[in-house]
Amino acid sequence: MRHGGKILIDQLEAQGVTSVFLVPGETFLAALDALYDSAPIRTIVCRHEGGAAMMAQATGKLTGKPGIAFATRGPGAANAASGLLVAREDQTPMILFVGLPATTGDAREASGASDVVGLFSPIAKWAAVVRDTLRIPELVARAFHVAMSGRPGPVVLGLPEDVLNREAGAENAKRVVIPEAAPSAAQMDLIEAKLRSSEWPLMIVGGPGWSPSVAARIETFALGCDLPVAAAFRAQDYVDNRHPCYVGHAGIGLESKLAAAIRGADLLLAVGAHLGPVTTAGHTLVTTPDPRQFLVHVHPSAEEAGLVCRADVAIAATVAAFADALRGVAPPREQPWRTFRRDLRAAYEASLKPVPTPGDVALEQVVATMSEVLPEQAIVASGAGNYAQFLHRYFVYKGHRTQLAPGSGSMGYGLPAAIAAKLLSPERPVVAVAGDGCFQMTAQELATAVQYALPIVIIVANNAIHGSIRMRQEERYPGRVIATSLVNPDFAALAQSFGALGETVARTADFEPALRRALAAGRPALIDLRLDPEAIAPGRTPAAVRVKSRD
């Protein structure tokens, strides 16, 4: 006989969970009690449920297995919703367990009571409440299955306090194994035939299920066919950016020649990628419902392949199975697109040359320095804001899962994601890059990094404005600035107050030595970059945007 909390944590151990992220709540004290005795699972106490959920999401993104977060009833559960949204947009498996009032309080407006199913069903793949202690193994196993199968995503399970407290003789469920779908021989023969007749083929990579071995097989196939490969939005680390077939990022700040190439391709291979509005430039590159290109869309979910853009060949298969099947596709003897690939590669390489921006600290040079100084397997995490455009454009990603960035455009993601990454890979350098507004969304999680002695580096792009919104303001309502200016703390002093290293950089030349000191600090470190607010985006300033808008 075990109480429900013990049964629950035993299920997590059986599924291979090694860490959970939470803000403690009285509704799941029984689960906390079981975590006290859990050797395989490390309990990470966070400062806000949104940060905990983002850490769980980043864990799921890095491992392909559900990241686990706990939140308590009412406000705690609502706070965690931001991380669930990131998981949904990024197709990432995660599970949020929500402690609830005892079932005796149903329909009695118990303190903090919330309708878990009603609240989270629009966000999660599945949301349910466990009302029988004996069913905890069954429903936890189902949560893992749903989170990982098809299009991966978040699952929410509500846990009433009395269900966790009650003892039962439940047996552990087996570890969940997701069957791997593979393409048919006929589908692969069709791809081989289309390659033989193509003049302008292009591959876009992204989505779930990638690994270093999958990336290596895709790179080998691309090289054998001299096939240009682009990354979907925030999937820049799926292929080594130094590979001769890598031609850039189909996302924000899309290079014009790559945009034209995607639009004009006669064969488009979308391998795992979600063809959403950012990757397709608002569906101007790949039109909906019927693309101009001959579209082959590979995705583990049959629903996703052709969901937005109708594919000519929709392949319900994991990217691993598809990459294996590519071994049987013979490269065409004639490859008339060689010049096409070469020109796209040259355009990508030219785009890496920093375009000067105003101010004493040049963010484009900072990012270029990071790209040169950081080891190849360093992980760079970021959130949302115009500062991220500099990362998209100037950082060269050299290995799989070296980029952690939210496809949902969620501010505050970088620091929690960096914490999760460092816990998983303590031997790898981890750097979080954030705007000043972005950082302050989850800045309290710096205390989490200090508590667990995680030597991550945080770089704050501090220009005292919400840059992306300011730029849009100047585009639509030039000169009418409101609600986008920030009065910031001394970020270096703030970091020091947490027990981290804190430095301020006011000149570009001072950044590299500061970065090297931060990497060697052996504790969390923050670098505050004092940027000119006119350096709002690569090649753009608010003044120039304002003038153009008025014209």
Protein backbone atom coordinates (compact mmCIF):
# COMPACT_ATOMS: atom_id res chain seq x y z
CA MET A 1 0.00 0.00 0.00
CA ARG A 2 1.26 3.45 -0.98
CA HIS A 3 -0.31 6.88 -0.73
CA GLY A 4 -1.19 8.54 -4.02
CA GLY A 5 1.81 10.86 -3.92
CA LYS A 6 4.16 7.90 -3.69
CA ILE A 7 2.32 6.07 -6.47
CA LEU A 8 2.63 9.17 -8.66
CA ILE A 9 6.36 9.67 -8.14
CA ASP A 10 7.01 5.96 -8.64
CA GLN A 11 5.33 6.30 -12.06
CA LEU A 12 7.61 9.20 -12.96
CA GLU A 13 10.64 7.14 -11.97
CA ALA A 14 9.36 4.22 -14.06
CA GLN A 15 9.04 6.55 -17.08
CA GLY A 16 12.66 7.68 -16.70
CA VAL A 17 12.08 11.18 -15.29
CA THR A 18 15.23 12.69 -13.76
CA SER A 19 14.05 16.17 -12.75
CA VAL A 20 10.85 18.00 -11.85
CA PHE A 21 10.36 21.76 -11.68
CA LEU A 22 7.94 23.30 -9.24
CA VAL A 23 6.82 25.98 -6.85
CA PRO A 24 5.68 24.02 -3.77
CA GLY A 25 1.98 23.93 -2.93
CA GLU A 26 0.04 22.49 -0.04
CA THR A 27 -2.28 20.61 -2.39
CA PHE A 28 0.47 18.21 -3.45
CA LEU A 29 2.32 17.71 -0.18
CA ALA A 30 2.02 13.93 -0.60
CA ALA A 31 3.91 14.15 -3.92
CA LEU A 32 6.57 16.32 -2.27
CA ASP A 33 6.88 13.72 0.48
CA ALA A 34 7.50 11.03 -2.14
CA LEU A 35 10.08 13.22 -3.90
CA TYR A 36 11.97 13.38 -0.61
CA ASP A 37 12.82 9.68 -1.01
CA SER A 38 13.33 9.69 -4.79
CA ALA A 39 16.95 9.03 -5.74
CA PRO A 40 16.53 9.25 -9.55
CA ILE A 41 14.53 12.50 -9.55
CA ARG A 42 16.02 15.88 -8.72
CA THR A 43 13.51 18.40 -7.40
CA ILE A 44 14.15 21.96 -8.63
CA VAL A 45 12.43 24.69 -6.63
CA CYS A 46 11.63 27.62 -8.90
CA ARG A 47 10.46 31.14 -8.11
CA HIS A 48 7.41 31.29 -10.38
CA GLU A 49 5.26 28.63 -11.99
CA GLY A 50 5.80 30.21 -15.42
CA GLY A 51 9.54 29.72 -14.99
CA ALA A 52 9.01 26.15 -13.79
CA ALA A 53 6.84 25.34 -16.82
CA MET A 54 9.39 26.86 -19.21
CA MET A 55 12.16 24.79 -17.61
CA ALA A 56 10.03 21.66 -18.07
CA GLN A 57 9.37 22.62 -21.69
CA ALA A 58 13.07 23.17 -22.37
CA THR A 59 13.81 19.78 -20.82
CA GLY A 60 11.29 18.16 -23.16
CA LYS A 61 12.77 20.00 -26.13
CA LEU A 62 16.29 18.86 -25.32
CA THR A 63 15.45 15.23 -24.53
CA GLY A 64 12.37 14.41 -26.60
CA LYS A 65 10.77 13.07 -23.40
CA PRO A 66 8.17 14.95 -21.37
CA GLY A 67 9.54 17.61 -19.06
CA ILE A 68 7.68 17.64 -15.75
CA ALA A 69 6.32 20.61 -13.80
CA PHE A 70 4.11 20.85 -10.72
CA ALA A 71 1.88 23.78 -9.81
CA THR A 72 -0.71 24.27 -7.13
CA ARG A 73 -4.35 25.18 -7.53
CA GLY A 74 -5.78 28.38 -8.92
CA PRO A 75 -3.21 31.14 -9.47
CA GLY A 76 -0.31 28.69 -9.49
CA ALA A 77 -1.86 26.69 -12.31
CA ALA A 78 -2.73 29.84 -14.25
CA ASN A 79 0.85 31.10 -13.92
CA ALA A 80 2.13 27.91 -15.58
CA ALA A 81 0.05 28.46 -18.72
CA SER A 82 2.82 30.47 -20.40
CA GLY A 83 5.11 27.42 -20.47
CA LEU A 84 2.32 25.24 -21.84
CA LEU A 85 1.81 27.66 -24.72
CA VAL A 86 5.51 27.42 -25.58
CA ALA A 87 5.26 23.61 -25.54
CA ARG A 88 2.22 23.64 -27.82
CA GLU A 89 3.80 25.97 -30.38
CA ASP A 90 7.16 24.15 -30.28
CA GLN A 91 5.60 20.66 -30.48
CA THR A 92 7.36 19.72 -27.26
CA PRO A 93 6.29 16.93 -24.87
CA MET A 94 5.68 18.08 -21.30
CA ILE A 95 3.34 17.28 -18.44
CA LEU A 96 2.00 19.73 -15.88
CA PHE A 97 0.62 18.24 -12.66
CA VAL A 98 -1.77 20.59 -10.88
CA GLY A 99 -2.54 20.10 -7.20
CA LEU A 100 -6.25 20.64 -6.54
CA PRO A 101 -8.49 20.98 -3.49
CA ALA A 102 -9.94 17.75 -2.16
CA THR A 103 -12.84 16.28 -4.12
CA THR A 104 -15.07 16.97 -1.10
CA GLY A 105 -14.85 20.62 -2.15
CA ASP A 106 -16.26 20.02 -5.63
CA ALA A 107 -18.95 22.56 -6.56
CA ARG A 108 -18.42 24.34 -3.22
CA GLU A 109 -16.08 27.09 -4.47
CA ALA A 110 -13.14 25.76 -2.47
CA SER A 111 -10.27 28.19 -2.09
CA GLY A 112 -8.19 28.24 -5.27
CA ALA A 113 -10.45 25.78 -7.04
CA SER A 114 -10.16 25.86 -10.82
CA ASP A 115 -11.61 23.90 -13.71
CA VAL A 116 -8.41 22.25 -14.96
CA VAL A 117 -10.10 20.68 -17.96
CA GLY A 118 -11.88 23.88 -18.96
CA LEU A 119 -8.84 26.08 -18.36
CA PHE A 120 -6.24 23.99 -20.16
CA SER A 121 -8.10 22.06 -22.87
CA PRO A 122 -7.64 24.87 -25.43
CA ILE A 123 -3.87 24.77 -24.80
CA ALA A 124 -3.02 21.18 -23.95
CA LYS A 125 -3.28 18.04 -26.07
CA TRP A 126 -5.19 16.48 -23.21
CA ALA A 127 -6.33 17.72 -19.80
CA ALA A 128 -7.94 15.56 -17.13
CA VAL A 129 -8.42 15.16 -13.39
CA VAL A 130 -7.38 11.99 -11.54
CA ARG A 131 -10.25 11.13 -9.20
CA ASP A 132 -9.29 7.59 -8.20
CA THR A 133 -5.95 6.80 -6.53
CA LEU A 134 -5.92 3.35 -8.14
CA ARG A 135 -5.97 4.97 -11.60
CA ILE A 136 -2.88 7.13 -11.11
CA PRO A 137 -0.56 4.66 -12.97
CA GLU A 138 -3.02 4.31 -15.85
CA LEU A 139 -3.56 8.05 -16.33
CA VAL A 140 0.10 9.01 -15.90
CA ALA A 141 1.07 6.45 -18.54
CA ARG A 142 -1.63 7.86 -20.82
CA ALA A 143 -0.27 11.38 -20.21
CA PHE A 144 3.20 10.29 -21.34
CA HIS A 145 1.75 8.56 -24.40
CA VAL A 146 -0.32 11.57 -25.46
CA ALA A 147 2.51 14.02 -24.83
CA MET A 148 4.97 12.09 -27.04
CA SER A 149 2.80 10.65 -29.81
CA GLY A 150 1.94 12.24 -33.15
CA ARG A 151 2.51 15.97 -32.84
CA PRO A 152 4.12 16.16 -29.37
CA GLY A 153 2.74 18.68 -26.91
CA PRO A 154 1.70 19.49 -23.35
CA VAL A 155 -0.63 17.46 -21.14
CA VAL A 156 -2.21 18.58 -17.86
CA LEU A 157 -3.32 16.27 -15.03
CA GLY A 158 -5.21 17.61 -12.03
CA LEU A 159 -4.48 15.90 -8.72
CA PRO A 160 -7.02 16.44 -5.92
CA GLU A 161 -5.40 16.52 -2.50
CA ASP A 162 -7.40 13.61 -1.09
CA VAL A 163 -6.58 11.44 -4.12
CA LEU A 164 -2.87 11.98 -3.43
CA ASN A 165 -3.28 11.37 0.32
CA ARG A 166 -5.32 8.18 0.03
CA GLU A 167 -3.52 4.81 0.14
CA ALA A 168 -4.07 2.14 -2.50
CA GLY A 169 -2.53 -1.08 -3.79
CA ALA A 170 -1.90 0.16 -7.34
CA GLU A 171 0.73 -1.47 -9.54
CA ASN A 172 3.23 0.55 -11.60
CA ALA A 173 2.58 0.93 -15.31
CA LYS A 174 5.14 -0.10 -17.90
CA ARG A 175 7.35 2.50 -19.54
CA VAL A 176 5.63 4.14 -22.50
CA VAL A 177 7.12 3.36 -25.91
CA ILE A 178 5.80 5.26 -28.93
CA PRO A 179 5.63 3.22 -32.17
CA GLU A 180 7.70 4.74 -34.97
CA ALA A 181 5.94 5.34 -38.26
CA ALA A 182 8.05 5.05 -41.43
CA PRO A 183 7.60 6.16 -45.05
CA SER A 184 6.61 3.59 -47.63
CA ALA A 185 8.91 2.41 -50.40
CA ALA A 186 6.52 3.94 -52.94
CA GLN A 187 6.78 7.34 -51.27
CA MET A 188 10.57 7.23 -51.30
CA ASP A 189 10.56 6.13 -54.96
CA LEU A 190 8.39 9.13 -55.78
CA ILE A 191 10.83 11.48 -54.02
CA GLU A 192 13.71 9.97 -56.00
CA ALA A 193 11.79 10.44 -59.25
CA LYS A 194 10.87 14.04 -58.41
CA LEU A 195 14.52 14.82 -57.64
CA ARG A 196 15.53 13.48 -61.06
CA SER A 197 13.09 15.84 -62.79
CA SER A 198 13.60 18.86 -60.52
CA GLU A 199 15.53 22.03 -61.35
CA TRP A 200 15.05 24.06 -58.15
CA PRO A 201 14.66 21.66 -55.17
CA LEU A 202 14.99 22.84 -51.57
CA MET A 203 14.62 21.23 -48.14
CA ILE A 204 13.28 22.92 -44.98
CA VAL A 205 14.05 21.19 -41.67
CA GLY A 206 12.43 21.58 -38.25
CA GLY A 207 9.93 20.06 -35.87
CA PRO A 208 10.11 17.18 -33.38
CA GLY A 209 12.16 14.00 -33.21
CA TRP A 210 15.55 15.29 -34.31
CA SER A 211 18.86 14.03 -32.92
CA PRO A 212 22.54 14.34 -33.84
CA SER A 213 22.29 11.09 -35.83
CA VAL A 214 19.26 12.33 -37.78
CA ALA A 215 21.06 15.60 -38.51
CA ALA A 216 24.12 13.70 -39.71
CA ARG A 217 22.05 11.55 -42.10
CA ILE A 218 20.26 14.61 -43.51
CA GLU A 219 23.60 16.38 -43.98
CA THR A 220 25.02 13.34 -45.79
CA PHE A 221 22.00 13.11 -48.09
CA ALA A 222 22.07 16.84 -48.84
CA LEU A 223 25.77 16.71 -49.66
CA GLY A 224 25.31 13.73 -51.99
CA CYS A 225 22.54 15.56 -53.87
CA ASP A 226 24.05 19.04 -53.50
CA LEU A 227 20.63 19.93 -52.10
CA PRO A 228 20.12 23.34 -50.42
CA VAL A 229 18.79 23.04 -46.86
CA ALA A 230 17.09 25.86 -44.93
CA ALA A 231 16.04 25.86 -41.28
CA ALA A 232 12.46 26.56 -40.23
CA PHE A 233 11.81 29.30 -37.66
CA ARG A 234 14.10 28.78 -34.68
CA ALA A 235 15.39 25.44 -35.93
CA GLN A 236 18.78 26.81 -36.94
CA ASP A 237 20.68 24.15 -35.02
CA TYR A 238 19.14 21.22 -36.92
CA VAL A 239 21.93 21.31 -39.50
CA ASP A 240 25.50 22.49 -38.93
CA ASN A 241 25.46 26.04 -40.30
CA ARG A 242 28.98 25.51 -41.68
CA HIS A 243 27.74 22.69 -43.92
CA PRO A 244 28.03 23.68 -47.60
CA CYS A 245 24.36 22.85 -48.21
CA TYR A 246 23.03 24.99 -45.37
CA VAL A 247 21.56 28.14 -46.91
CA GLY A 248 20.00 29.99 -43.98
CA HIS A 249 17.02 30.54 -41.75
CA ALA A 250 13.44 30.77 -42.97
CA GLY A 251 12.24 33.03 -40.20
CA ILE A 252 12.41 36.62 -38.98
CA GLY A 253 14.84 38.70 -41.03
CA LEU A 254 14.64 36.26 -43.95
CA GLU A 255 17.41 36.82 -46.51
CA SER A 256 15.87 37.95 -49.81
CA LYS A 257 17.55 35.35 -52.05
CA LEU A 258 16.43 32.53 -49.77
CA ALA A 259 12.89 33.92 -49.78
CA ALA A 260 12.91 33.92 -53.59
CA ALA A 261 14.33 30.38 -53.64
CA ILE A 262 11.59 29.01 -51.39
CA ARG A 263 8.92 30.79 -53.41
CA GLY A 264 10.31 29.54 -56.71
CA ALA A 265 11.25 25.98 -55.73
CA ASP A 266 9.72 23.28 -57.92
CA LEU A 267 10.26 20.63 -55.21
CA LEU A 268 9.98 21.53 -51.53
CA LEU A 269 10.88 18.88 -48.94
CA ALA A 270 9.57 19.92 -45.51
CA VAL A 271 11.15 17.45 -43.10
CA GLY A 272 9.45 17.73 -39.71
CA ALA A 273 8.96 21.47 -40.14
CA HIS A 274 5.73 23.23 -39.32
CA LEU A 275 4.93 25.50 -42.26
CA GLY A 276 3.55 28.27 -40.10
CA PRO A 277 3.29 31.99 -40.83
CA VAL A 278 6.82 32.89 -39.68
CA THR A 279 8.60 30.20 -41.73
CA THR A 280 6.48 31.00 -44.78
CA ALA A 281 6.49 34.82 -44.39
CA GLY A 282 2.77 34.93 -43.78
CA HIS A 283 2.18 32.18 -46.34
CA THR A 284 3.52 34.32 -49.14
CA LEU A 285 6.38 31.85 -49.77
CA VAL A 286 4.34 28.66 -49.42
CA THR A 287 0.74 29.55 -50.14
CA THR A 288 -2.28 27.99 -48.51
CA PRO A 289 -4.19 25.85 -49.07
CA ASP A 290 -2.39 24.81 -52.26
CA PRO A 291 1.32 25.63 -52.59
CA ARG A 292 2.84 26.45 -55.97
CA GLN A 293 5.70 24.08 -55.20
CA PHE A 294 5.45 20.29 -55.37
CA LEU A 295 5.34 19.81 -51.59
CA VAL A 296 6.55 16.72 -49.77
CA HIS A 297 5.74 17.11 -46.07
CA VAL A 298 7.16 14.66 -43.52
CA HIS A 299 5.85 14.70 -39.96
CA PRO A 300 5.10 12.06 -37.30
CA SER A 301 1.51 13.30 -37.15
CA ALA A 302 -0.72 12.53 -40.13
CA GLU A 303 -2.76 15.59 -39.18
CA GLU A 304 0.22 17.94 -39.29
CA ALA A 305 1.47 16.81 -42.71
CA GLY A 306 -0.73 18.95 -44.92
CA LEU A 307 -2.67 20.61 -42.09
CA VAL A 308 -2.10 24.18 -43.33
CA CYS A 309 -0.51 23.71 -46.75
CA ARG A 310 -1.87 20.74 -48.70
CA ALA A 311 1.03 18.43 -49.50
CA ASP A 312 1.34 16.59 -52.80
CA VAL A 313 2.99 13.82 -50.80
CA ALA A 314 2.07 13.75 -47.10
CA ILE A 315 4.29 11.30 -45.23
CA ALA A 316 3.29 10.35 -41.67
CA ALA A 317 6.68 9.27 -40.35
CA THR A 318 9.24 10.23 -37.76
CA VAL A 319 12.17 12.23 -39.05
CA ALA A 320 14.47 9.43 -37.85
CA ALA A 321 12.65 6.85 -40.00
CA PHE A 322 12.59 9.24 -42.95
CA ALA A 323 16.31 9.98 -42.60
CA ASP A 324 17.00 6.23 -42.58
CA ALA A 325 14.89 5.76 -45.70
CA LEU A 326 16.86 8.48 -47.52
CA ARG A 327 19.80 6.08 -47.59
CA GLY A 328 17.95 4.21 -50.32
CA VAL A 329 17.38 7.32 -52.47
CA ALA A 330 20.03 7.49 -55.18
CA PRO A 331 21.38 11.00 -55.89
CA PRO A 332 20.45 12.11 -59.43
CA ARG A 333 23.30 11.90 -61.92
CA GLU A 334 22.34 15.31 -63.26
CA GLN A 335 22.01 18.04 -60.65
CA PRO A 336 21.12 21.24 -62.52
CA TRP A 337 20.59 23.09 -59.23
CA ARG A 338 24.31 23.15 -58.29
CA THR A 339 24.61 26.85 -59.12
CA PHE A 340 21.33 27.47 -57.29
CA ARG A 341 22.72 25.86 -54.11
CA ARG A 342 26.07 27.62 -54.47
CA ASP A 343 24.47 31.05 -54.86
CA LEU A 344 22.19 30.53 -51.86
CA ARG A 345 25.15 29.44 -49.75
CA ALA A 346 27.11 32.50 -50.83
CA ALA A 347 24.18 34.76 -49.91
CA TYR A 348 23.97 33.16 -46.46
CA GLU A 349 27.70 33.61 -45.87
CA ALA A 350 27.47 37.25 -46.97
CA SER A 351 24.62 37.83 -44.51
CA LEU A 352 26.95 36.90 -41.63
CA LYS A 353 29.03 40.04 -42.20
CA PRO A 354 27.90 42.43 -39.45
CA VAL A 355 26.01 45.51 -40.57
CA PRO A 356 27.06 48.37 -38.24
CA THR A 357 24.51 49.76 -35.80
CA PRO A 358 24.67 52.97 -33.72
CA GLY A 359 26.22 53.13 -30.26
CA ASP A 360 29.35 52.20 -28.33
CA VAL A 361 28.25 48.57 -27.96
CA ALA A 362 27.51 46.88 -31.29
CA LEU A 363 25.21 43.90 -30.71
CA GLU A 364 26.08 42.48 -34.12
CA GLN A 365 29.75 42.33 -33.08
CA VAL A 366 28.81 40.89 -29.69
CA VAL A 367 26.93 38.01 -31.33
CA ALA A 368 29.73 37.42 -33.83
CA THR A 369 32.18 37.27 -30.93
CA MET A 370 29.96 34.79 -29.08
CA SER A 371 29.85 32.62 -32.19
CA GLU A 372 33.65 32.60 -32.40
CA VAL A 373 34.47 32.23 -28.69
CA LEU A 374 31.89 29.71 -27.48
CA PRO A 375 32.69 26.00 -27.92
CA GLU A 376 30.84 24.20 -30.71
CA GLN A 377 28.45 22.42 -28.34
CA ALA A 378 27.61 25.47 -26.24
CA ILE A 379 23.86 25.98 -25.81
CA VAL A 380 22.46 29.44 -26.54
CA ALA A 381 18.99 30.15 -25.14
CA SER A 382 16.87 33.19 -25.90
CA GLY A 383 13.35 34.51 -25.60
CA ALA A 384 11.58 37.06 -27.77
CA GLY A 385 12.36 40.58 -28.86
CA ASN A 386 14.26 42.42 -31.55
CA TYR A 387 17.58 41.47 -29.94
CA ALA A 388 16.88 37.88 -31.08
CA GLN A 389 17.14 39.03 -34.70
CA PHE A 390 20.85 39.57 -34.12
CA LEU A 391 21.17 35.96 -32.92
CA HIS A 392 19.18 34.68 -35.89
CA ARG A 393 21.41 36.52 -38.30
CA TYR A 394 24.93 36.46 -36.86
CA PHE A 395 25.28 33.34 -34.70
CA VAL A 396 26.55 30.23 -36.48
CA TYR A 397 24.99 27.13 -34.89
CA LYS A 398 27.36 24.20 -35.16
CA GLY A 399 25.53 21.26 -33.62
CA HIS A 400 22.11 19.84 -32.84
CA ARG A 401 20.34 21.32 -29.82
CA THR A 402 22.67 24.28 -29.44
CA GLN A 403 19.71 26.66 -29.92
CA LEU A 404 16.88 26.98 -27.40
CA ALA A 405 14.31 29.52 -28.52
CA PRO A 406 10.50 29.57 -28.36
CA GLY A 407 8.59 29.35 -31.59
CA SER A 408 5.71 31.01 -29.75
CA GLY A 409 7.68 34.23 -29.34
CA SER A 410 7.49 34.01 -25.56
CA MET A 411 9.36 36.65 -23.61
CA GLY A 412 11.24 35.48 -20.53
CA TYR A 413 12.11 32.06 -21.96
CA GLY A 414 15.90 32.34 -22.17
CA LEU A 415 16.85 32.19 -18.48
CA PRO A 416 14.56 29.26 -17.48
CA ALA A 417 15.62 27.37 -20.61
CA ALA A 418 19.29 27.93 -19.80
CA ILE A 419 18.75 26.57 -16.28
CA ALA A 420 17.11 23.41 -17.65
CA ALA A 421 19.89 22.98 -20.21
CA LYS A 422 22.65 23.28 -17.61
CA LEU A 423 20.95 20.75 -15.34
CA LEU A 424 20.80 18.28 -18.23
CA SER A 425 24.28 18.98 -19.60
CA PRO A 426 26.52 20.36 -16.84
CA GLU A 427 29.62 19.83 -19.01
CA ARG A 428 28.36 22.17 -21.77
CA PRO A 429 28.61 25.97 -21.60
CA VAL A 430 25.13 27.52 -21.52
CA VAL A 431 24.41 31.15 -22.38
CA ALA A 432 21.06 32.92 -22.11
CA VAL A 433 20.60 36.04 -24.22
CA ALA A 434 17.71 38.33 -23.31
CA GLY A 435 16.48 41.83 -23.91
CA ASP A 436 16.00 44.03 -20.89
CA GLY A 437 12.23 43.60 -21.05
CA CYS A 438 12.53 39.90 -21.81
CA PHE A 439 14.92 39.26 -18.91
CA GLN A 440 12.68 40.99 -16.38
CA MET A 441 9.82 38.60 -17.18
CA THR A 442 11.65 35.76 -15.38
CA ALA A 443 14.63 37.50 -13.72
CA GLN A 444 13.68 35.97 -10.36
CA GLU A 445 14.83 32.58 -11.68
CA LEU A 446 18.39 33.85 -11.31
CA ALA A 447 17.88 32.83 -7.68
CA THR A 448 17.17 29.28 -8.89
CA ALA A 449 20.43 29.24 -10.84
CA VAL A 450 22.32 30.44 -7.75
CA GLN A 451 20.60 27.96 -5.43
CA TYR A 452 21.66 25.01 -7.58
CA ALA A 453 25.13 26.44 -8.35
CA LEU A 454 24.55 26.45 -12.12
CA PRO A 455 27.33 28.39 -13.89
CA ILE A 456 25.25 29.80 -16.73
CA VAL A 457 25.95 33.13 -18.44
CA ILE A 458 23.17 35.67 -18.97
CA ILE A 459 23.70 38.46 -21.51
CA VAL A 460 21.17 41.29 -21.23
CA ALA A 461 20.71 43.46 -24.32
CA ASN A 462 19.76 46.63 -22.46
CA ASN A 463 18.44 49.49 -24.57
CA ALA A 464 15.74 50.66 -22.12
CA ILE A 465 12.88 49.98 -24.53
CA HIS A 466 10.60 47.20 -25.68
CA GLY A 467 12.37 47.22 -29.03
CA SER A 468 10.11 45.08 -31.21
CA ILE A 469 6.98 46.97 -30.14
CA ARG A 470 8.73 50.33 -30.50
CA MET A 471 9.71 49.45 -34.06
CA ARG A 472 6.13 48.47 -34.91
CA GLN A 473 4.89 51.70 -33.33
CA GLU A 474 7.19 53.74 -35.51
CA GLU A 475 6.05 51.79 -38.58
CA ARG A 476 2.33 52.28 -37.98
CA TYR A 477 2.11 55.42 -35.83
CA PRO A 478 5.39 57.32 -36.39
CA GLY A 479 6.42 59.60 -33.56
CA ARG A 480 3.54 58.54 -31.29
CA VAL A 481 5.57 56.58 -28.75
CA ILE A 482 3.80 55.25 -25.69
CA ALA A 483 4.24 52.30 -23.26
CA THR A 484 7.51 51.07 -24.76
CA SER A 485 10.08 52.94 -22.63
CA LEU A 486 11.67 51.15 -19.66
CA VAL A 487 13.31 52.37 -16.46
CA ASN A 488 15.64 49.50 -15.62
CA PRO A 489 17.59 48.48 -12.53
CA ASP A 490 21.36 48.18 -12.53
CA PHE A 491 21.35 44.63 -13.87
CA ALA A 492 24.95 43.92 -12.81
CA ALA A 493 24.18 45.03 -9.25
CA LEU A 494 20.96 43.02 -9.31
CA ALA A 495 22.90 39.90 -10.29
CA GLN A 496 25.41 40.51 -7.51
CA SER A 497 22.59 40.82 -4.98
CA PHE A 498 21.51 37.29 -5.95
CA GLY A 499 25.06 36.00 -5.46
CA ALA A 500 25.96 35.90 -9.14
CA LEU A 501 28.78 37.65 -10.95
CA GLY A 502 27.61 40.91 -12.51
CA GLU A 503 29.39 43.11 -15.05
CA THR A 504 28.44 46.08 -17.19
CA VAL A 505 29.81 46.44 -20.72
CA ALA A 506 29.73 49.93 -22.24
CA ARG A 507 32.12 49.34 -25.18
CA THR A 508 32.22 46.58 -27.75
CA ALA A 509 35.91 45.93 -27.09
CA ASP A 510 35.13 45.11 -23.46
CA PHE A 511 32.68 42.33 -24.27
CA GLU A 512 35.03 39.47 -25.15
CA PRO A 513 37.10 39.68 -21.94
CA ALA A 514 33.86 39.98 -19.94
CA LEU A 515 32.46 36.89 -21.68
CA ARG A 516 35.61 34.90 -20.93
CA ARG A 517 35.48 35.94 -17.27
CA ALA A 518 31.81 34.94 -17.09
CA LEU A 519 32.49 31.53 -18.64
CA ALA A 520 35.29 30.92 -16.15
CA ALA A 521 33.41 32.23 -13.10
CA GLY A 522 32.17 28.87 -11.85
CA ARG A 523 28.85 30.46 -10.84
CA PRO A 524 25.98 32.25 -12.57
CA ALA A 525 27.18 35.39 -14.31
CA LEU A 526 25.36 38.30 -15.93
CA ILE A 527 26.70 40.78 -18.49
CA ASP A 528 24.70 43.98 -18.93
CA LEU A 529 25.21 45.37 -22.44
CA ARG A 530 24.47 49.10 -22.57
CA LEU A 531 23.00 49.50 -26.05
CA ASP A 532 21.91 52.56 -27.97
CA PRO A 533 18.10 52.50 -28.41
CA GLU A 534 18.67 53.43 -32.07
CA ALA A 535 20.27 49.98 -32.58
CA ILE A 536 16.81 48.45 -32.69
CA ALA A 537 17.33 45.70 -35.30
CA PRO A 538 19.94 44.60 -37.84
CA GLY A 539 20.19 47.43 -40.35
CA ARG A 540 17.30 49.41 -38.83
CA THR A 541 16.87 52.36 -36.43
CA PRO A 542 13.67 53.92 -35.03
CA ALA A 543 14.54 57.22 -36.70
CA ALA A 544 14.89 55.58 -40.11
CA VAL A 545 11.69 53.58 -39.64
CA ARG A 546 9.85 56.76 -38.62
CA VAL A 547 11.02 58.68 -41.68
CA LYS A 548 10.12 55.83 -44.03
CA SER A 549 6.67 55.46 -42.44
CA ARG A 550 5.93 59.17 -42.85
CA ASP A 551 7.06 59.05 -46.46
